[in-house]
Amino acid sequence: MVYLGHAFRNGIGAAIDVDKSENWYRKASDGGSALAAGILGAHYFDKTQYSLAEEYFKTSASRNYLPGLFRLGIMYLDGLGVDRQPQKGRQYLEQATALGHITAKRRLGGLLVRGGQNINERLRGLGLIFSAIKETAVIAAKDPQSDRMRG
């Protein structure tokens, strides 16, 4: 179903049809695909349909899909289409970081460096940033399309 969504979204073997693409992604998401839920979240976010974006990012996050966790965290952290909730945003970034999302690790590190409550949080932030830089170089060389770097 995800592949059919891609085919209609990108015009691969069929004419581009956004409605059919959304339909196939929705079916895949309803069937349990974290990837499809994340794709729909990004699609609706780009269309500024933020309540649908949030819904699908939450679905993908509940399935531990790294880009979905990261994007949901950023929505709450920056107040993008939702009420700004920095603590909730940070929780999603912490979860994504714990599961290995490099971009979340870098963003969380920056948060801690700039606004950490104490020296230990600021030092942790620096460690996260340096670790993310190192991991980016390794992952980019091996798998530049890795979900661990996708936002």
Protein backbone atom coordinates (compact mmCIF):
# COMPACT_ATOMS: atom_id res chain seq x y z
CA MET A 1 0.00 0.00 0.00
CA VAL A 2 2.88 2.36 0.78
CA TYR A 3 4.43 1.60 -2.60
CA LEU A 4 1.13 2.37 -4.32
CA GLY A 5 0.99 5.65 -2.41
CA HIS A 6 4.50 6.45 -3.66
CA ALA A 7 3.55 5.48 -7.21
CA PHE A 8 0.57 7.83 -7.32
CA ARG A 9 2.42 10.62 -5.49
CA ASN A 10 5.41 10.51 -7.85
CA GLY A 11 3.78 9.36 -11.10
CA ILE A 12 5.64 6.05 -11.24
CA GLY A 13 3.78 3.73 -13.61
CA ALA A 14 0.65 5.84 -13.19
CA ALA A 15 -0.43 9.43 -13.53
CA ILE A 16 0.20 11.63 -10.49
CA ASP A 17 -2.92 11.53 -8.36
CA VAL A 18 -2.61 13.08 -4.91
CA ASP A 19 -6.04 11.87 -3.79
CA LYS A 20 -5.23 8.24 -4.67
CA SER A 21 -1.83 8.64 -3.05
CA GLU A 22 -3.38 9.89 0.20
CA ASN A 23 -5.93 7.08 0.08
CA TRP A 24 -3.24 4.39 -0.20
CA TYR A 25 -1.12 5.95 2.53
CA ARG A 26 -4.19 6.17 4.77
CA LYS A 27 -4.99 2.49 4.15
CA ALA A 28 -1.40 1.57 4.96
CA SER A 29 -1.46 3.69 8.12
CA ASP A 30 -4.77 2.15 9.19
CA GLY A 31 -3.13 -1.23 8.62
CA GLY A 32 -0.32 -0.37 11.03
CA SER A 33 2.36 1.25 8.86
CA ALA A 34 4.36 3.80 10.84
CA LEU A 35 6.02 4.97 7.63
CA ALA A 36 2.67 5.74 5.97
CA ALA A 37 1.47 7.64 9.04
CA GLY A 38 4.69 9.70 9.01
CA ILE A 39 4.34 10.43 5.30
CA LEU A 40 0.74 11.58 5.81
CA GLY A 41 1.82 13.74 8.75
CA ALA A 42 4.43 15.46 6.59
CA HIS A 43 1.98 15.79 3.70
CA TYR A 44 -0.66 17.47 5.84
CA PHE A 45 1.94 19.63 7.56
CA ASP A 46 3.13 20.91 4.18
CA LYS A 47 -0.49 21.68 3.27
CA THR A 48 -0.83 23.57 6.62
CA GLN A 49 -3.51 21.12 7.75
CA TYR A 50 -1.92 21.03 11.17
CA SER A 51 -4.55 19.08 13.09
CA LEU A 52 -4.28 16.22 10.59
CA ALA A 53 -0.50 16.50 10.61
CA GLU A 54 -0.46 16.27 14.40
CA GLU A 55 -2.83 13.28 14.33
CA TYR A 56 -0.68 11.32 11.87
CA PHE A 57 2.59 12.30 13.54
CA LYS A 58 1.12 11.06 16.83
CA THR A 59 0.19 7.78 15.15
CA SER A 60 3.68 7.37 13.70
CA ALA A 61 5.25 8.39 17.03
CA SER A 62 3.17 5.78 18.87
CA ARG A 63 4.80 3.24 16.55
CA ASN A 64 8.29 4.64 17.32
CA TYR A 65 8.81 5.96 13.80
CA LEU A 66 11.81 8.25 14.28
CA PRO A 67 10.95 11.02 11.79
CA GLY A 68 7.41 11.16 13.21
CA LEU A 69 8.69 11.51 16.76
CA PHE A 70 11.08 14.24 15.68
CA ARG A 71 8.52 16.21 13.64
CA LEU A 72 5.93 16.02 16.43
CA GLY A 73 8.52 17.24 18.90
CA ILE A 74 9.39 20.18 16.65
CA MET A 75 5.71 21.07 16.19
CA TYR A 76 5.26 21.34 19.97
CA LEU A 77 8.63 22.88 20.66
CA ASP A 78 8.26 25.66 18.11
CA GLY A 79 4.46 25.99 18.15
CA LEU A 80 4.14 25.07 14.49
CA GLY A 81 0.42 24.69 13.90
CA VAL A 82 -0.20 23.82 17.56
CA ASP A 83 0.01 25.62 20.86
CA ARG A 84 3.67 25.89 21.86
CA GLN A 85 4.41 23.26 24.51
CA PRO A 86 8.19 23.18 25.04
CA GLN A 87 8.13 20.42 27.67
CA LYS A 88 6.03 18.15 25.46
CA GLY A 89 8.29 18.93 22.51
CA ARG A 90 11.35 18.10 24.55
CA GLN A 91 9.80 14.80 25.66
CA TYR A 92 9.36 13.76 22.02
CA LEU A 93 12.92 14.82 21.21
CA GLU A 94 14.19 12.84 24.22
CA GLN A 95 12.28 9.77 23.00
CA ALA A 96 13.55 10.14 19.43
CA THR A 97 17.09 10.66 20.72
CA ALA A 98 16.88 7.56 22.92
CA LEU A 99 15.85 5.57 19.85
CA GLY A 100 18.76 6.90 17.79
CA HIS A 101 17.42 9.85 15.76
CA ILE A 102 20.48 11.97 15.02
CA THR A 103 18.70 15.21 14.10
CA ALA A 104 16.64 15.02 17.31
CA LYS A 105 19.86 14.48 19.25
CA ARG A 106 21.42 17.57 17.71
CA ARG A 107 18.31 19.71 18.33
CA LEU A 108 17.97 18.45 21.92
CA GLY A 109 21.65 19.16 22.50
CA GLY A 110 21.17 22.73 21.33
CA LEU A 111 18.20 23.16 23.66
CA LEU A 112 20.20 21.93 26.62
CA VAL A 113 23.25 24.07 25.82
CA ARG A 114 21.14 27.22 25.51
CA GLY A 115 18.60 26.60 28.23
CA GLY A 116 19.78 23.83 30.49
CA GLN A 117 18.79 24.18 34.13
CA ASN A 118 22.30 23.48 35.38
CA ILE A 119 25.84 22.77 34.25
CA ASN A 120 25.16 19.03 33.93
CA GLU A 121 22.35 19.62 31.43
CA ARG A 122 24.53 22.02 29.45
CA LEU A 123 27.38 19.52 29.39
CA ARG A 124 24.97 16.80 28.32
CA GLY A 125 23.85 19.12 25.52
CA LEU A 126 27.41 19.55 24.29
CA GLY A 127 27.92 15.80 24.40
CA LEU A 128 24.77 15.24 22.37
CA ILE A 129 25.84 17.76 19.74
CA PHE A 130 29.31 16.24 19.34
CA SER A 131 27.86 12.74 19.26
CA ALA A 132 25.33 13.78 16.60
CA ILE A 133 28.07 15.27 14.43
CA LYS A 134 30.10 12.08 14.63
CA GLU A 135 27.07 9.85 13.95
CA THR A 136 26.00 12.01 11.01
CA ALA A 137 29.32 11.43 9.29
CA VAL A 138 29.16 7.67 9.84
CA ILE A 139 25.50 7.22 8.87
CA ALA A 140 25.69 9.60 5.88
CA ALA A 141 28.51 7.51 4.44
CA LYS A 142 26.70 4.21 4.96
CA ASP A 143 23.03 5.07 4.45
CA PRO A 144 22.27 8.68 3.51
CA GLN A 145 18.52 7.92 3.40
CA SER A 146 18.45 6.53 6.95
CA ASP A 147 15.39 7.31 9.06
CA ARG A 148 17.85 8.22 11.81
CA MET A 149 18.62 11.47 9.96
CA ARG A 150 15.28 12.18 8.34
CA GLY A 151 13.25 15.09 9.66
